[in-house]
């Protein structure tokens, strides 16, 4: 009995060290601890499970899957092991295969909340939104700690921002590993454009705790873009595409990050993938056109811009982008369409400016300079109200530049 108790104590110490290493983001250390124990005790389910998590955190997904499948062979009716295997499959971009394992994890142990949420994410990545919402509701019903977050979300939706922020911070004080509280608090910070570094820290912690949580990766990427950290956003959105390879938004956001990192070829490929999945998104067609223009493919850019206009007739920014190509002239139908848009009373000022400038270019190309000047002047009158310009501040900035730099 004493030897067995000592062996159990040593196992618990080993597991504790491995789990702590993962929490401190030292997955390689956790892997070494688990492998050392498994070398002498190859059937230890706890070590096999923690090993799987350590491998997942390192991105070694094939090895993680192998470890989890072996553990399931030893204990086929273990709900947590089914959930772990499903999580690996979701991270590998196999949400359809992951579904059956999440569902079996729930059948084996219906009271556990987390598999419902993970199943909801897998359904969402497959475009099955209503079923996903049902799973998210089931998740909240089974985890009282999440109700505080749900109430905070309701406050946010009703515009009660102060109450929502306080409730989310309270949720994190009660449960520092509450990834949903991290997500929505970071989302609040992003919407207010405040404490973006804190928002990033929250989300990076959330990705460690829930590496297959697609919405957290997408939000982290959005925070990095907002903070002008374009290159850092690229691998974040790349991970999102791995989690949801058939999701048009993940590819579109990756394309935006790549484009703003001056990786135009990669951006064009990602935009093309997004549009292959869902071709009816005007802003993605415009982004695709911008990338092709940067690459010198004016014909392809024009085709993408016109696709955007077919989807959204009032997309003034696209008409102005077409004018900026400098290599073609608007046809009569396009000129009439732009002039018709300017007749609207509800046209946003920025959109009105784009139409005016595009029409100015159209009539300039046609040789009607008086009409072109009229549109340019009209656009500039509106644009002047949208920008802040202080000529004295500009002069002072130029003077400082001349003081610092030699000829």
Protein backbone atom coordinates (compact mmCIF):
# COMPACT_ATOMS: atom_id res chain seq x y z
CA UNK A 1 0.00 0.00 0.00
CA UNK A 2 2.83 2.40 0.88
CA UNK A 3 4.56 1.85 -2.50
CA UNK A 4 1.29 2.45 -4.38
CA UNK A 5 0.61 5.62 -2.39
CA UNK A 6 4.14 6.87 -3.08
CA UNK A 7 3.73 6.15 -6.81
CA UNK A 8 0.42 8.05 -6.81
CA UNK A 9 2.01 11.01 -5.05
CA UNK A 10 4.89 11.10 -7.56
CA UNK A 11 2.42 10.97 -10.43
CA UNK A 12 0.43 13.89 -9.01
CA UNK A 13 3.63 15.92 -8.53
CA UNK A 14 4.67 15.20 -12.11
CA UNK A 15 1.25 16.13 -13.49
CA UNK A 16 1.19 19.30 -11.39
CA UNK A 17 4.55 20.40 -12.79
CA UNK A 18 3.49 19.70 -16.36
CA UNK A 19 0.19 21.61 -15.97
CA UNK A 20 2.00 24.55 -14.36
CA UNK A 21 4.50 24.62 -17.23
CA UNK A 22 1.63 24.88 -19.75
CA UNK A 23 0.04 27.70 -17.74
CA UNK A 24 3.36 29.56 -17.85
CA UNK A 25 3.54 29.05 -21.62
CA UNK A 26 6.40 26.53 -21.40
CA UNK A 27 4.78 23.78 -23.47
CA UNK A 28 8.11 22.18 -24.39
CA UNK A 29 8.93 21.75 -20.69
CA UNK A 30 5.50 20.18 -20.10
CA UNK A 31 6.10 17.82 -23.02
CA UNK A 32 9.46 16.69 -21.53
CA UNK A 33 7.89 16.07 -18.11
CA UNK A 34 5.12 13.96 -19.63
CA UNK A 35 7.41 11.97 -21.91
CA UNK A 36 9.76 11.20 -19.02
CA UNK A 37 6.87 9.77 -16.98
CA UNK A 38 5.35 7.91 -19.93
CA UNK A 39 8.67 6.26 -20.72
CA UNK A 40 8.15 4.17 -17.56
CA UNK A 41 4.34 4.34 -17.34
CA UNK A 42 3.05 4.40 -20.96
CA UNK A 43 -0.58 3.89 -19.98
CA UNK A 44 -0.97 6.93 -17.70
CA UNK A 45 -4.05 8.71 -19.06
CA UNK A 46 -3.37 11.97 -17.22
CA UNK A 47 0.10 12.29 -18.68
CA UNK A 48 -1.14 11.35 -22.14
CA UNK A 49 -3.82 14.04 -21.93
CA UNK A 50 -1.44 16.76 -20.72
CA UNK A 51 1.08 15.68 -23.37
CA UNK A 52 -1.62 16.22 -26.00
CA UNK A 53 -2.21 19.76 -24.71
CA UNK A 54 1.52 20.50 -24.67
CA UNK A 55 1.83 19.36 -28.27
CA UNK A 56 -1.22 21.40 -29.30
CA UNK A 57 0.28 24.53 -27.76
CA UNK A 58 3.41 23.98 -29.86
CA UNK A 59 1.39 23.52 -33.02
CA UNK A 60 2.41 19.84 -33.30
CA UNK A 61 -1.11 18.82 -34.17
CA UNK A 62 -0.43 15.45 -35.82
CA UNK A 63 1.51 14.29 -32.76
CA UNK A 64 -1.20 15.68 -30.46
CA UNK A 65 -3.88 13.78 -32.39
CA UNK A 66 -1.85 10.56 -32.15
CA UNK A 67 -1.45 10.99 -28.39
CA UNK A 68 -5.16 11.66 -27.86
CA UNK A 69 -6.24 8.72 -30.02
CA UNK A 70 -3.94 6.38 -28.09
CA UNK A 71 -5.41 7.65 -24.81
CA UNK A 72 -8.93 7.02 -26.14
CA UNK A 73 -7.99 3.45 -27.03
CA UNK A 74 -7.11 2.96 -23.36
CA UNK A 75 -10.29 4.63 -22.11
CA UNK A 76 -12.90 4.76 -24.93
CA UNK A 77 -15.68 6.23 -22.79
CA UNK A 78 -13.78 9.24 -21.46
CA UNK A 79 -15.64 12.47 -22.27
CA UNK A 80 -12.62 14.73 -21.69
CA UNK A 81 -10.45 12.68 -24.05
CA UNK A 82 -13.16 12.84 -26.74
CA UNK A 83 -13.28 16.61 -26.28
CA UNK A 84 -9.48 16.86 -26.54
CA UNK A 85 -9.39 14.83 -29.75
CA UNK A 86 -12.18 16.96 -31.22
CA UNK A 87 -10.25 20.13 -30.29
CA UNK A 88 -7.15 18.88 -32.13
CA UNK A 89 -9.22 18.05 -35.21
CA UNK A 90 -10.81 21.52 -35.15
CA UNK A 91 -7.36 23.12 -34.94
CA UNK A 92 -6.27 21.02 -37.91
CA UNK A 93 -9.07 22.52 -39.97
CA UNK A 94 -11.29 19.44 -39.82
CA UNK A 95 -14.43 20.81 -38.10
CA UNK A 96 -16.73 18.28 -39.75
CA UNK A 97 -14.76 15.38 -38.28
CA UNK A 98 -14.50 17.20 -34.94
CA UNK A 99 -18.31 17.43 -34.67
CA UNK A 100 -18.86 13.74 -33.99
CA UNK A 101 -16.27 13.69 -31.22
CA UNK A 102 -17.68 16.82 -29.54
CA UNK A 103 -21.15 15.27 -29.76
CA UNK A 104 -19.91 12.00 -28.24
CA UNK A 105 -18.17 13.93 -25.42
CA UNK A 106 -21.55 15.52 -24.64
CA UNK A 107 -23.40 12.16 -24.75
CA UNK A 108 -20.87 10.63 -22.37
CA UNK A 109 -21.11 13.49 -19.88
CA UNK A 110 -24.00 15.91 -20.62
CA UNK A 111 -23.39 18.10 -17.56
CA UNK A 112 -19.96 19.33 -18.69
CA UNK A 113 -20.33 22.84 -20.20
CA UNK A 114 -17.17 23.26 -22.30
CA UNK A 115 -17.92 20.70 -25.06
CA UNK A 116 -21.13 22.60 -25.87
CA UNK A 117 -19.18 25.79 -26.50
CA UNK A 118 -16.54 24.03 -28.59
CA UNK A 119 -19.23 22.25 -30.59
CA UNK A 120 -20.85 25.64 -31.15
CA UNK A 121 -17.58 27.02 -32.56
CA UNK A 122 -17.19 24.04 -34.89
CA UNK A 123 -20.76 24.49 -36.15
CA UNK A 124 -20.12 28.22 -36.64
CA UNK A 125 -17.02 27.54 -38.73
CA UNK A 126 -19.16 25.33 -40.97
CA UNK A 127 -21.73 28.09 -41.44
CA UNK A 128 -24.38 26.40 -39.26
CA UNK A 129 -25.19 29.50 -37.20
CA UNK A 130 -28.56 28.54 -35.72
CA UNK A 131 -27.26 25.20 -34.43
CA UNK A 132 -24.18 27.00 -33.07
CA UNK A 133 -26.38 29.47 -31.15
CA UNK A 134 -28.27 26.56 -29.61
CA UNK A 135 -25.02 25.04 -28.38
CA UNK A 136 -23.82 28.37 -26.96
CA UNK A 137 -27.10 28.70 -25.03
CA UNK A 138 -26.69 25.17 -23.69
CA UNK A 139 -23.15 26.06 -22.63
CA UNK A 140 -24.28 29.11 -20.67
CA UNK A 141 -27.08 27.17 -18.99
CA UNK A 142 -24.62 24.61 -17.68
CA UNK A 143 -21.96 27.00 -16.38
CA UNK A 144 -23.22 29.55 -13.81
CA UNK A 145 -19.88 31.41 -13.97
CA UNK A 146 -20.63 32.32 -17.58
CA UNK A 147 -23.95 33.93 -16.76
CA UNK A 148 -22.12 37.02 -15.51
CA UNK A 149 -20.51 37.34 -18.94
CA UNK A 150 -23.89 36.82 -20.62
CA UNK A 151 -25.37 39.63 -18.51
CA UNK A 152 -22.42 41.86 -19.41
CA UNK A 153 -23.04 41.19 -23.11
CA UNK A 154 -26.67 42.22 -22.63
CA UNK A 155 -25.49 45.47 -21.01
CA UNK A 156 -23.20 46.10 -24.00
CA UNK A 157 -26.03 45.49 -26.46
CA UNK A 158 -28.21 47.98 -24.56
CA UNK A 159 -25.44 50.59 -24.53
CA UNK A 160 -24.75 50.36 -20.79
CA UNK A 161 -20.99 50.33 -21.25
CA UNK A 162 -19.92 51.19 -17.69
CA UNK A 163 -22.06 48.40 -16.22
CA UNK A 164 -20.78 45.95 -18.83
CA UNK A 165 -17.12 46.75 -18.21
CA UNK A 166 -17.53 46.43 -14.43
CA UNK A 167 -19.31 43.09 -14.78
CA UNK A 168 -16.63 41.69 -17.08
CA UNK A 169 -13.86 42.75 -14.70
CA UNK A 170 -15.81 41.17 -11.82
CA UNK A 171 -16.07 37.95 -13.84
CA UNK A 172 -12.28 37.92 -14.33
CA UNK A 173 -11.68 38.53 -10.63
CA UNK A 174 -13.86 35.52 -9.81
CA UNK A 175 -12.32 33.38 -12.55
CA UNK A 176 -8.99 34.69 -13.96
CA UNK A 177 -9.10 32.02 -16.70
CA UNK A 178 -12.52 33.02 -18.03
CA UNK A 179 -11.74 33.33 -21.73
CA UNK A 180 -15.19 34.69 -22.59
CA UNK A 181 -14.73 37.54 -20.11
CA UNK A 182 -11.31 38.20 -21.65
CA UNK A 183 -12.81 38.21 -25.14
CA UNK A 184 -15.64 40.64 -24.41
CA UNK A 185 -13.55 42.95 -22.24
CA UNK A 186 -10.96 43.15 -25.03
CA UNK A 187 -13.77 43.74 -27.52
CA UNK A 188 -15.03 46.61 -25.36
CA UNK A 189 -11.52 48.12 -25.24
CA UNK A 190 -11.25 47.85 -29.02
CA UNK A 191 -14.64 49.52 -29.57
CA UNK A 192 -13.57 52.37 -27.30
CA UNK A 193 -10.06 52.43 -28.88
CA UNK A 194 -8.49 52.44 -25.44
CA UNK A 195 -5.90 50.30 -23.66
CA UNK A 196 -5.15 48.30 -26.81
CA UNK A 197 -2.00 46.83 -25.25
CA UNK A 198 -4.12 45.50 -22.36
CA UNK A 199 -6.63 44.12 -24.85
CA UNK A 200 -3.82 42.33 -26.70
CA UNK A 201 -2.48 40.85 -23.44
CA UNK A 202 -5.95 39.55 -22.51
CA UNK A 203 -6.44 37.96 -25.90
CA UNK A 204 -3.00 36.35 -26.05
CA UNK A 205 -3.71 34.79 -22.68
CA UNK A 206 -7.08 33.61 -24.00
CA UNK A 207 -5.44 31.93 -27.02
CA UNK A 208 -3.18 30.02 -24.64
CA UNK A 209 -6.13 28.82 -22.57
CA UNK A 210 -8.37 28.07 -25.58
CA UNK A 211 -6.15 27.66 -28.66
CA UNK A 212 -9.09 26.64 -30.88
CA UNK A 213 -11.30 29.65 -30.01
CA UNK A 214 -11.68 31.24 -33.46
CA UNK A 215 -13.37 34.44 -32.30
CA UNK A 216 -10.49 35.22 -29.93
CA UNK A 217 -7.92 34.87 -32.74
CA UNK A 218 -10.02 37.11 -35.00
CA UNK A 219 -10.39 39.73 -32.29
CA UNK A 220 -6.67 39.63 -31.49
CA UNK A 221 -5.92 40.27 -35.16
CA UNK A 222 -8.37 43.19 -35.19
CA UNK A 223 -6.68 44.73 -32.13
CA UNK A 224 -3.27 44.43 -33.77
CA UNK A 225 -4.57 46.06 -36.97
CA UNK A 226 -6.14 48.90 -34.99
CA UNK A 227 -2.78 49.42 -33.25
CA UNK A 228 -1.00 49.52 -36.66
CA UNK A 229 0.88 46.29 -35.93
CA UNK A 230 0.17 44.88 -39.35
CA UNK A 231 2.97 42.31 -39.58
CA UNK A 232 2.09 40.92 -36.14
CA UNK A 233 -1.52 40.47 -37.27
CA UNK A 234 -0.56 38.20 -40.19
CA UNK A 235 0.31 35.02 -38.20
CA UNK A 236 -2.74 35.59 -36.00
CA UNK A 237 -5.11 35.55 -38.99
CA UNK A 238 -3.13 32.65 -40.49
CA UNK A 239 -4.03 30.66 -37.38
CA UNK A 240 -7.67 31.71 -37.84
CA UNK A 241 -7.64 30.31 -41.38
CA UNK A 242 -6.26 27.04 -40.04
CA UNK A 243 -9.09 26.85 -37.52
CA UNK A 244 -11.76 27.73 -40.10
CA UNK A 245 -10.40 27.08 -43.60
CA UNK A 246 -13.86 27.38 -45.20
CA UNK A 247 -14.68 30.71 -43.56
CA UNK A 248 -14.51 33.64 -46.01
CA UNK A 249 -14.01 36.23 -43.26
CA UNK A 250 -10.84 34.61 -41.90
CA UNK A 251 -9.22 34.71 -45.36
CA UNK A 252 -10.43 38.26 -45.95
CA UNK A 253 -8.98 39.51 -42.69
CA UNK A 254 -5.71 37.72 -43.43
CA UNK A 255 -5.65 39.44 -46.83
CA UNK A 256 -6.16 42.84 -45.21
CA UNK A 257 -3.26 42.24 -42.80
CA UNK A 258 -1.02 41.03 -45.63
CA UNK A 259 -1.91 44.01 -47.81
CA UNK A 260 -1.12 46.47 -45.03
CA UNK A 261 2.19 44.65 -44.48
CA UNK A 262 3.08 45.26 -48.16
CA UNK A 263 2.72 41.56 -48.97
CA UNK A 264 0.60 42.20 -52.05
CA UNK A 265 1.02 38.81 -53.72
CA UNK A 266 0.00 36.98 -50.55
CA UNK A 267 -2.89 39.40 -50.06
CA UNK A 268 -4.19 38.82 -53.58
CA UNK A 269 -4.10 35.04 -53.03
CA UNK A 270 -5.95 35.34 -49.71
CA UNK A 271 -8.58 37.67 -51.18
CA UNK A 272 -9.06 35.18 -54.04
CA UNK A 273 -9.57 32.36 -51.52
CA UNK A 274 -12.09 34.43 -49.55
CA UNK A 275 -14.04 35.27 -52.70
CA UNK A 276 -13.93 31.66 -53.85
CA UNK A 277 -15.77 30.74 -50.65
CA UNK A 278 -18.16 33.71 -50.71
CA UNK A 279 -18.01 35.93 -53.82
CA UNK A 280 -20.80 38.34 -52.86
CA UNK A 281 -18.90 40.54 -50.37
CA UNK A 282 -18.31 43.99 -51.95
CA UNK A 283 -15.54 45.11 -49.62
CA UNK A 284 -13.57 41.94 -50.35
CA UNK A 285 -13.94 42.54 -54.08
CA UNK A 286 -12.58 46.05 -53.55
CA UNK A 287 -9.66 44.80 -51.48
CA UNK A 288 -8.90 42.22 -54.14
CA UNK A 289 -8.91 44.99 -56.74
CA UNK A 290 -6.50 47.09 -54.64
CA UNK A 291 -4.07 44.16 -54.35
CA UNK A 292 -4.20 43.41 -58.08
CA UNK A 293 -3.65 47.10 -58.85
CA UNK A 294 -0.54 47.11 -56.64
CA UNK A 295 0.74 44.07 -58.56
CA UNK A 296 0.19 45.88 -61.86
CA UNK A 297 -2.76 43.74 -62.97
CA UNK A 298 -5.00 46.63 -64.02
CA UNK A 299 -7.40 44.43 -66.00
CA UNK A 300 -7.91 42.11 -63.02
CA UNK A 301 -8.29 45.08 -60.66
CA UNK A 302 -10.95 46.64 -62.90
CA UNK A 303 -12.84 43.34 -63.04
CA UNK A 304 -12.83 43.11 -59.23
CA UNK A 305 -13.92 46.75 -58.81
CA UNK A 306 -16.83 46.28 -61.23
CA UNK A 307 -17.86 43.12 -59.36
CA UNK A 308 -18.00 45.20 -56.16
CA UNK A 309 -20.21 47.80 -57.85
CA UNK A 310 -22.61 45.14 -59.14
CA UNK A 311 -23.02 44.03 -55.54
CA UNK A 312 -23.32 47.55 -54.11
CA UNK A 313 -24.40 50.37 -56.40
CA UNK A 314 -23.54 53.17 -53.93
CA UNK A 315 -19.93 52.06 -53.37
CA UNK A 316 -18.39 55.43 -54.22
CA UNK A 317 -14.94 54.46 -52.98
CA UNK A 318 -14.74 51.78 -55.68
CA UNK A 319 -15.64 54.24 -58.45
CA UNK A 320 -12.85 56.54 -57.21
CA UNK A 321 -10.48 53.55 -57.13
CA UNK A 322 -11.39 52.82 -60.74
CA UNK A 323 -10.66 56.45 -61.66
CA UNK A 324 -7.28 56.14 -59.97
CA UNK A 325 -6.31 53.28 -62.27
CA UNK A 326 -5.58 56.00 -64.88
CA UNK A 327 -5.70 53.43 -67.68
CA UNK A 328 -9.36 53.44 -68.75
CA UNK A 329 -12.38 55.66 -69.19
CA UNK A 330 -15.77 55.21 -67.54
CA UNK A 331 -18.46 54.15 -69.97
CA UNK A 332 -21.67 56.17 -70.33
CA UNK A 333 -23.69 53.79 -68.14
CA UNK A 334 -21.17 54.15 -65.29
CA UNK A 335 -21.26 57.96 -65.57
CA UNK A 336 -25.06 57.95 -65.45
CA UNK A 337 -25.02 55.58 -62.46
CA UNK A 338 -22.67 57.89 -60.52
CA UNK A 339 -24.71 60.99 -61.33
CA UNK A 340 -27.86 59.19 -60.20
CA UNK A 341 -26.23 58.40 -56.86
CA UNK A 342 -25.40 62.09 -56.33
CA UNK A 343 -29.13 62.90 -56.60
CA UNK A 344 -29.74 61.04 -53.34
CA UNK A 345 -30.30 63.05 -50.15
CA UNK A 346 -29.11 60.27 -47.85
CA UNK A 347 -25.64 59.80 -49.35
CA UNK A 348 -22.86 59.97 -46.69
CA UNK A 349 -20.46 62.88 -47.20
CA UNK A 350 -17.39 60.66 -47.71
CA UNK A 351 -19.25 58.67 -50.38
CA UNK A 352 -20.40 61.91 -52.07
CA UNK A 353 -16.76 63.06 -52.25
CA UNK A 354 -15.71 59.81 -53.94
CA UNK A 355 -18.46 60.10 -56.56
CA UNK A 356 -17.64 63.75 -57.25
CA UNK A 357 -13.94 63.07 -57.76
CA UNK A 358 -14.65 60.03 -59.95
CA UNK A 359 -17.07 62.07 -62.07
CA UNK A 360 -14.50 64.84 -62.31
CA UNK A 361 -12.05 62.34 -63.77
CA UNK A 362 -14.72 60.92 -66.11
CA UNK A 363 -15.61 64.34 -67.61
CA UNK A 364 -11.94 65.39 -67.72
CA UNK A 365 -11.22 62.31 -69.83
CA UNK A 366 -14.17 63.21 -72.04
CA UNK A 367 -12.73 66.69 -72.61
CA UNK A 368 -15.56 68.52 -70.83
CA UNK A 369 -13.29 70.47 -68.47
CA UNK A 370 -15.95 72.86 -67.23
CA UNK A 371 -18.14 70.02 -66.01
CA UNK A 372 -15.09 68.20 -64.61
CA UNK A 373 -14.12 71.34 -62.66
CA UNK A 374 -17.66 71.58 -61.32
CA UNK A 375 -17.47 68.07 -59.85
CA UNK A 376 -13.95 68.52 -58.51
CA UNK A 377 -14.99 71.78 -56.84
CA UNK A 378 -18.15 70.23 -55.39
CA UNK A 379 -16.13 67.29 -54.02
CA UNK A 380 -13.51 69.56 -52.49
CA UNK A 381 -16.17 71.70 -50.81
CA UNK A 382 -17.55 68.63 -49.04
CA UNK A 383 -14.10 67.16 -48.37
CA UNK A 384 -12.95 70.39 -46.70
CA UNK A 385 -15.53 69.86 -43.96
CA UNK A 386 -14.29 66.31 -43.33
CA UNK A 387 -10.60 67.04 -42.73
CA UNK A 388 -8.74 69.14 -40.19
CA UNK A 389 -5.88 71.18 -41.62
CA UNK A 390 -3.83 73.77 -39.73
CA UNK A 391 -1.45 75.56 -42.13
CA UNK A 392 0.63 76.99 -39.25
CA UNK A 393 1.12 73.51 -37.75
CA UNK A 394 2.16 72.21 -41.16
CA UNK A 395 4.67 75.07 -41.57
CA UNK A 396 6.14 74.35 -38.13
CA UNK A 397 6.51 70.67 -39.00
CA UNK A 398 8.31 71.54 -42.23
CA UNK A 399 10.64 73.89 -40.34
CA UNK A 400 11.51 71.13 -37.86
CA UNK A 401 12.25 68.74 -40.73
CA UNK A 402 14.63 71.30 -42.28
CA UNK A 403 16.40 71.74 -38.94
CA UNK A 404 16.96 67.99 -38.48
CA UNK A 405 17.87 66.86 -42.00
CA UNK A 406 20.64 68.14 -44.21
CA UNK A 407 20.15 68.85 -47.92
